[in-house]
Protein backbone atom coordinates (compact mmCIF):
# COMPACT_ATOMS: atom_id res chain seq x y z
CA MET A 1 125.75 38.34 88.58
CA GLN A 2 123.11 37.58 91.18
CA VAL A 3 122.89 34.18 92.88
CA ALA A 4 120.47 32.76 95.41
CA ALA A 5 122.21 31.78 98.62
CA ASN A 6 120.86 30.96 102.07
CA GLY A 7 117.45 32.40 101.18
CA ILE A 8 118.74 35.76 99.90
CA THR A 9 120.42 37.09 96.77
CA LEU A 10 124.12 37.96 96.61
CA GLU A 11 126.01 39.90 93.97
CA VAL A 12 129.01 37.84 92.80
CA GLU A 13 131.93 38.12 90.44
CA ILE A 14 134.25 35.22 89.46
CA HIS A 15 137.78 35.79 88.15
CA GLY A 16 140.43 33.40 86.87
CA ASP A 17 140.48 29.79 85.68
CA ALA A 18 137.12 28.06 86.01
CA GLU A 19 139.02 24.88 86.86
CA GLY A 20 141.34 26.58 89.35
CA VAL A 21 141.37 26.08 93.10
CA PRO A 22 138.43 28.07 94.53
CA LEU A 23 139.34 31.03 96.71
CA VAL A 24 136.45 33.03 98.20
CA LEU A 25 137.24 36.57 99.40
CA ILE A 26 135.03 37.95 102.20
CA ARG A 27 134.79 41.69 102.78
CA GLY A 28 134.54 43.63 106.04
CA LEU A 29 131.96 45.93 107.58
CA GLY A 30 129.97 48.03 105.12
CA SER A 31 132.37 47.45 102.23
CA GLN A 32 131.70 46.04 98.78
CA LEU A 33 133.42 43.84 96.25
CA VAL A 34 134.70 46.97 94.44
CA HIS A 35 136.87 47.69 97.48
CA TRP A 36 139.13 44.73 96.60
CA PRO A 37 142.12 46.22 94.76
CA ARG A 38 142.29 45.03 91.16
CA GLU A 39 145.90 44.09 91.82
CA LEU A 40 144.79 41.62 94.47
CA VAL A 41 142.04 39.91 92.51
CA ALA A 42 143.95 39.83 89.24
CA GLY A 43 147.16 38.75 91.02
CA LEU A 44 145.43 35.78 92.64
CA ALA A 45 143.72 34.86 89.39
CA ALA A 46 147.08 34.97 87.60
CA ARG A 47 148.41 32.43 90.11
CA GLY A 48 145.76 29.97 88.94
CA TYR A 49 142.94 30.46 91.46
CA ARG A 50 139.25 30.64 90.79
CA VAL A 51 138.67 33.89 92.70
CA VAL A 52 135.15 34.54 93.96
CA ILE A 53 134.30 38.02 95.25
CA PHE A 54 130.86 39.13 96.41
CA ASP A 55 128.89 41.77 98.28
CA ASN A 56 127.89 40.64 101.74
CA ARG A 57 124.21 40.87 102.63
CA ASP A 58 123.23 44.48 103.33
CA ALA A 59 126.01 45.86 101.12
CA GLY A 60 126.40 46.86 97.49
CA LEU A 61 124.07 45.04 95.13
CA SER A 62 123.23 42.19 97.49
CA ALA A 63 119.94 41.82 99.34
CA ARG A 64 118.91 44.09 102.19
CA CYS A 65 118.02 42.18 105.35
CA PRO A 66 116.09 44.28 107.87
CA ALA A 67 114.09 42.57 110.59
CA PRO A 68 110.82 43.70 112.19
CA GLY A 69 111.35 45.61 115.41
CA ILE A 70 115.12 45.83 115.04
CA ALA A 71 116.47 49.36 115.14
CA ASP A 72 119.24 50.11 112.64
CA GLY A 73 119.55 53.88 113.00
CA ALA A 74 122.70 55.40 114.45
CA ASP A 75 120.97 57.33 117.24
CA ALA A 76 119.03 54.30 118.53
CA ILE A 77 122.14 52.09 118.49
CA LEU A 78 124.31 54.65 120.27
CA ALA A 79 121.65 55.40 122.88
CA ALA A 80 121.44 51.70 123.76
CA ILE A 81 125.23 51.28 123.88
CA ARG A 82 125.62 54.32 126.13
CA ALA A 83 122.95 52.90 128.41
CA GLY A 84 124.97 49.69 128.71
CA ARG A 85 122.82 47.59 126.38
CA VAL A 86 123.74 45.92 123.08
CA PRO A 87 120.76 46.19 120.71
CA PRO A 88 119.57 42.88 119.24
CA PRO A 89 120.67 42.04 115.70
CA ALA A 90 118.61 41.48 112.56
CA TYR A 91 120.85 38.48 111.90
CA ARG A 92 124.09 37.04 113.18
CA LEU A 93 127.57 36.48 111.79
CA ASP A 94 126.63 32.77 111.71
CA ASP A 95 123.99 33.68 109.10
CA MET A 96 126.61 35.51 107.07
CA ALA A 97 128.85 32.42 107.26
CA ARG A 98 125.92 30.36 105.94
CA ASP A 99 125.65 32.93 103.14
CA VAL A 100 129.16 31.92 102.09
CA VAL A 101 128.26 28.24 102.17
CA GLY A 102 125.11 28.95 100.17
CA LEU A 103 127.16 30.93 97.66
CA MET A 104 129.49 27.97 97.25
CA ASP A 105 126.50 25.70 96.74
CA ALA A 106 125.09 28.01 94.06
CA LEU A 107 128.44 28.06 92.24
CA GLY A 108 128.93 24.30 92.47
CA ILE A 109 131.98 24.62 94.77
CA GLY A 110 132.39 21.71 97.13
CA ARG A 111 135.36 23.05 99.10
CA ALA A 112 137.28 26.29 98.91
CA HIS A 113 139.90 28.38 100.59
CA VAL A 114 138.45 31.47 102.25
CA PHE A 115 140.19 34.81 102.76
CA GLY A 116 138.34 37.14 105.07
CA ILE A 117 139.25 40.63 106.26
CA SER A 118 138.02 42.31 109.48
CA MET A 119 134.34 41.30 109.82
CA GLY A 120 135.06 38.91 106.93
CA GLY A 121 137.86 37.47 109.05
CA ALA A 122 135.33 36.77 111.82
CA ILE A 123 133.12 35.03 109.24
CA ALA A 124 136.14 33.00 108.12
CA GLN A 125 136.68 31.92 111.75
CA ILE A 126 133.08 30.76 112.01
CA LEU A 127 133.44 28.85 108.75
CA ALA A 128 136.58 27.16 110.09
CA CYS A 129 134.83 26.24 113.33
CA ASP A 130 131.39 25.23 112.07
CA HIS A 131 131.78 24.35 108.38
CA ARG A 132 135.17 22.63 108.35
CA GLU A 133 134.01 20.09 105.75
CA ARG A 134 133.51 22.89 103.16
CA LEU A 135 136.96 24.47 103.51
CA LEU A 136 140.43 23.75 102.21
CA GLY A 137 142.02 26.44 104.32
CA ALA A 138 141.23 29.76 106.00
CA MET A 139 143.12 33.04 105.79
CA ILE A 140 142.07 35.36 108.64
CA VAL A 141 143.16 38.94 108.06
CA MET A 142 143.03 42.01 110.39
CA SER A 143 140.46 40.33 112.61
CA SER A 144 139.83 39.34 116.24
CA ALA A 145 138.50 36.32 118.10
CA ARG A 146 136.40 38.49 120.43
CA LEU A 147 134.80 41.88 120.65
CA ARG A 148 137.19 44.43 122.11
CA GLY A 149 135.04 47.12 123.69
CA ALA A 150 131.93 49.11 122.84
CA ARG A 151 134.18 51.81 121.34
CA LEU A 152 133.65 49.97 118.02
CA ALA A 153 130.07 51.15 117.97
CA GLU A 154 131.09 54.77 118.55
CA GLN A 155 133.70 54.55 115.80
CA LEU A 156 131.83 52.55 113.18
CA VAL A 157 128.13 53.38 113.43
CA SER A 158 126.94 54.85 110.16
CA ARG A 159 124.61 57.69 109.15
CA PRO A 160 123.15 58.42 105.69
CA LEU A 161 125.47 60.66 103.63
CA ASP A 162 125.26 62.29 100.24
CA ARG A 163 127.78 61.36 97.59
CA GLU A 164 130.43 63.96 98.39
CA ASP A 165 130.22 63.43 102.14
CA PHE A 166 130.41 59.65 101.62
CA ILE A 167 133.61 60.03 99.58
CA ALA A 168 135.04 62.40 102.18
CA ALA A 169 134.23 59.88 104.93
CA GLN A 170 136.00 57.14 103.02
CA LEU A 171 139.10 59.37 102.70
CA GLU A 172 138.96 60.12 106.42
CA GLY A 173 138.69 56.40 107.17
CA ASP A 174 141.89 55.76 105.21
CA ARG A 175 143.67 58.52 107.10
CA ALA A 176 142.53 56.99 110.39
CA TRP A 177 142.99 53.28 109.68
CA GLY A 178 144.88 52.96 106.42
CA SER A 179 148.26 51.30 105.75
CA PRO A 180 150.96 53.95 106.15
CA GLY A 181 153.69 51.69 104.83
CA PHE A 182 151.66 50.99 101.68
CA PRO A 183 149.78 54.26 101.04
CA ALA A 184 146.84 54.32 98.66
CA PRO A 185 146.64 57.01 95.98
CA GLU A 186 143.85 59.49 96.70
CA THR A 187 142.60 58.97 93.13
CA TRP A 188 142.08 55.25 93.89
CA LEU A 189 140.32 55.99 97.17
CA ARG A 190 138.01 58.54 95.53
CA ASP A 191 137.21 56.33 92.55
CA THR A 192 136.50 53.31 94.76
CA ALA A 193 134.30 55.35 97.07
CA ALA A 194 132.38 56.79 94.12
CA ARG A 195 131.78 53.30 92.70
CA ALA A 196 130.60 52.06 96.08
CA TRP A 197 128.19 54.98 96.39
CA GLU A 198 126.75 54.34 92.95
CA ARG A 199 126.30 50.60 93.64
CA GLY A 200 124.44 51.13 96.89
CA ALA A 201 126.00 52.65 100.00
CA ASP A 202 123.55 51.94 102.81
CA ALA A 203 123.98 53.26 106.36
CA ALA A 204 121.17 51.12 107.78
CA GLY A 205 122.61 47.99 106.16
CA MET A 206 126.07 48.76 107.56
CA ASN A 207 124.52 49.25 111.01
CA ARG A 208 122.80 45.87 110.80
CA GLN A 209 126.18 44.30 110.01
CA LEU A 210 127.64 46.19 112.97
CA LEU A 211 124.94 44.79 115.26
CA ALA A 212 125.83 41.29 114.07
CA ILE A 213 129.44 41.98 115.13
CA LEU A 214 128.44 43.48 118.49
CA ASN A 215 126.28 40.41 119.26
CA ALA A 216 128.89 37.84 118.24
CA PRO A 217 130.12 35.49 120.98
CA ASP A 218 133.72 35.03 122.03
CA ARG A 219 135.27 32.53 119.58
CA ARG A 220 138.45 31.72 121.52
CA ALA A 221 137.37 28.32 122.85
CA ALA A 222 136.03 27.22 119.46
CA LEU A 223 139.23 28.24 117.63
CA ALA A 224 141.25 25.93 119.83
CA GLY A 225 139.45 23.01 118.20
CA VAL A 226 140.05 24.05 114.59
CA THR A 227 141.98 21.40 112.60
CA LEU A 228 142.03 23.32 109.31
CA PRO A 229 145.17 24.87 107.78
CA CYS A 230 145.01 28.54 108.74
CA LEU A 231 147.05 31.66 107.99
CA VAL A 232 146.62 34.74 110.12
CA ILE A 233 147.73 38.09 108.61
CA HIS A 234 147.68 41.34 110.53
CA GLY A 235 149.24 44.77 110.18
CA SER A 236 151.73 46.21 112.62
CA GLU A 237 150.05 49.59 112.18
CA ASP A 238 146.42 48.49 112.52
CA ARG A 239 144.78 51.16 114.67
CA LEU A 240 141.29 49.66 114.57
CA ILE A 241 142.05 46.04 115.58
CA PRO A 242 145.51 45.83 117.16
CA PRO A 243 148.03 43.24 115.96
CA GLU A 244 147.79 41.49 119.34
CA ALA A 245 144.35 40.31 118.22
CA GLY A 246 145.86 38.55 115.21
CA ARG A 247 148.59 37.02 117.35
CA GLU A 248 145.93 35.69 119.72
CA ILE A 249 144.02 33.99 116.89
CA ALA A 250 147.21 32.37 115.60
CA ALA A 251 148.12 31.15 119.08
CA LEU A 252 144.67 29.61 119.57
CA ILE A 253 144.48 27.65 116.29
CA PRO A 254 146.73 24.58 116.36
CA GLY A 255 149.43 24.81 113.69
CA ALA A 256 148.30 28.18 112.36
CA GLU A 257 150.81 30.34 110.53
CA ALA A 258 151.00 34.02 111.35
CA GLU A 259 152.49 37.07 109.72
CA ILE A 260 152.50 40.58 111.07
CA ILE A 261 153.24 42.87 108.13
CA ALA A 262 155.21 45.99 108.96
CA GLY A 263 153.51 49.13 107.70
CA MET A 264 150.13 47.48 107.11
CA GLY A 265 147.08 49.02 108.75
CA HIS A 266 143.40 48.13 108.38
CA VAL A 267 143.21 48.57 104.60
CA ILE A 268 144.53 46.39 101.78
CA THR A 269 145.78 48.99 99.33
CA PRO A 270 146.97 48.45 95.74
CA ALA A 271 150.57 48.79 96.98
CA LEU A 272 150.02 46.05 99.56
CA ALA A 273 148.16 43.71 97.23
CA LEU A 274 151.21 42.00 95.69
CA ARG A 275 152.64 41.25 99.14
CA ILE A 276 149.31 39.64 100.12
CA VAL A 277 149.09 37.66 96.85
CA GLU A 278 152.57 36.23 97.36
CA ARG A 279 151.90 35.30 100.99
CA VAL A 280 148.53 33.66 100.25
CA ASP A 281 149.94 31.71 97.31
CA ARG A 282 152.91 30.51 99.36
CA PHE A 283 150.59 29.38 102.17
CA ILE A 284 148.25 27.47 99.89
CA ARG A 285 151.04 25.79 97.95
CA SER A 286 152.81 24.81 101.16
CA ARG A 287 149.58 23.10 102.27
CA GLY A 288 149.15 21.21 99.01
CA GLY A 289 148.00 18.09 100.80
CA ALA A 290 144.92 19.80 102.27
CA GLY A 291 142.69 18.18 99.64
CA GLY A 292 139.65 19.73 97.94
CA VAL A 293 138.02 20.52 94.66
CA ALA A 294 136.59 23.03 92.33
CA GLY A 295 133.69 20.62 91.98
CA GLY A 296 130.33 21.22 93.50
CA VAL A 297 127.47 20.09 95.61
CA ALA A 298 124.68 20.61 93.12
CA GLY A 299 122.05 17.95 93.25
CA GLY A 300 123.20 16.84 96.68
CA GLU A 301 126.73 15.94 95.63
CA GLY A 302 129.19 16.19 98.48
CA PRO A 303 132.74 17.52 98.35
CA ARG A 304 135.19 15.46 96.35
CA ASP A 305 138.91 15.17 96.92
CA ALA A 306 141.22 16.23 94.14
CA ASP A 307 144.58 17.83 93.48
CA GLN A 308 144.40 21.34 94.93
CA THR A 309 147.62 22.70 93.46
CA PRO A 310 146.89 25.96 91.60
CA ARG A 311 147.23 25.78 87.84
CA GLN A 312 150.10 27.77 86.37
């Protein structure tokens, strides 16, 4: 379904108990809600959570957000990077964090746990720093507190592709950055890529997200002031964002838990999903005193405190 959030429209799906503890999953660069393994979403829903998944702005069925005068083509971005300049963004990761808050408002969710991967993990960090009153806890997965080199632009800039080339690129991405200890079946990768293509693969939109990442400030100082329960998950085999980046986030946030999963790369595969479900559920249940609600903010209502233990 489509909801209005932060002045744009977002495509959203909700799974699980409508009265369950809200858990919002935030995707990474250029990916869509269909990239979440069914085993992950269904597994969390089976543990009693109200699982919210959505397409970020500029991805899937959500709104496209170009800005006048902002270049979002691969050649223009790479030319600027190679000249030592970071092109300006159409929007910032802070805007994408406000998209999540607006989504929660639209769904009547006062406070929620957030689970963000890669770029979504950066958005989860911003939510923990700047929107603490709306969160129960934050799970920051395969992410970093700071940009680690312009090589990201060279690796991740996107060009328009036809359907078959798009699927081939997704397969190549898994070979480069996947989770070797939890390999994904090629049939799943192909099917997921085909669904993403049909829903709206968009090179320019992905590049606008990339520019938001490249223009993001260093978050290390802000993370040191976070008082929210946080869990950092990273893969020992992550070849895109090294596990040291996850360890750094966990060291910065007071009281944060950390887990480096052997064999995990930069993709949550169906085989890895159950491991993630168990770890997330254990973290949330162990922080049962964090407070929070499934209730909302509609009509100006603020967050209410309530039992946050997931329903069985």
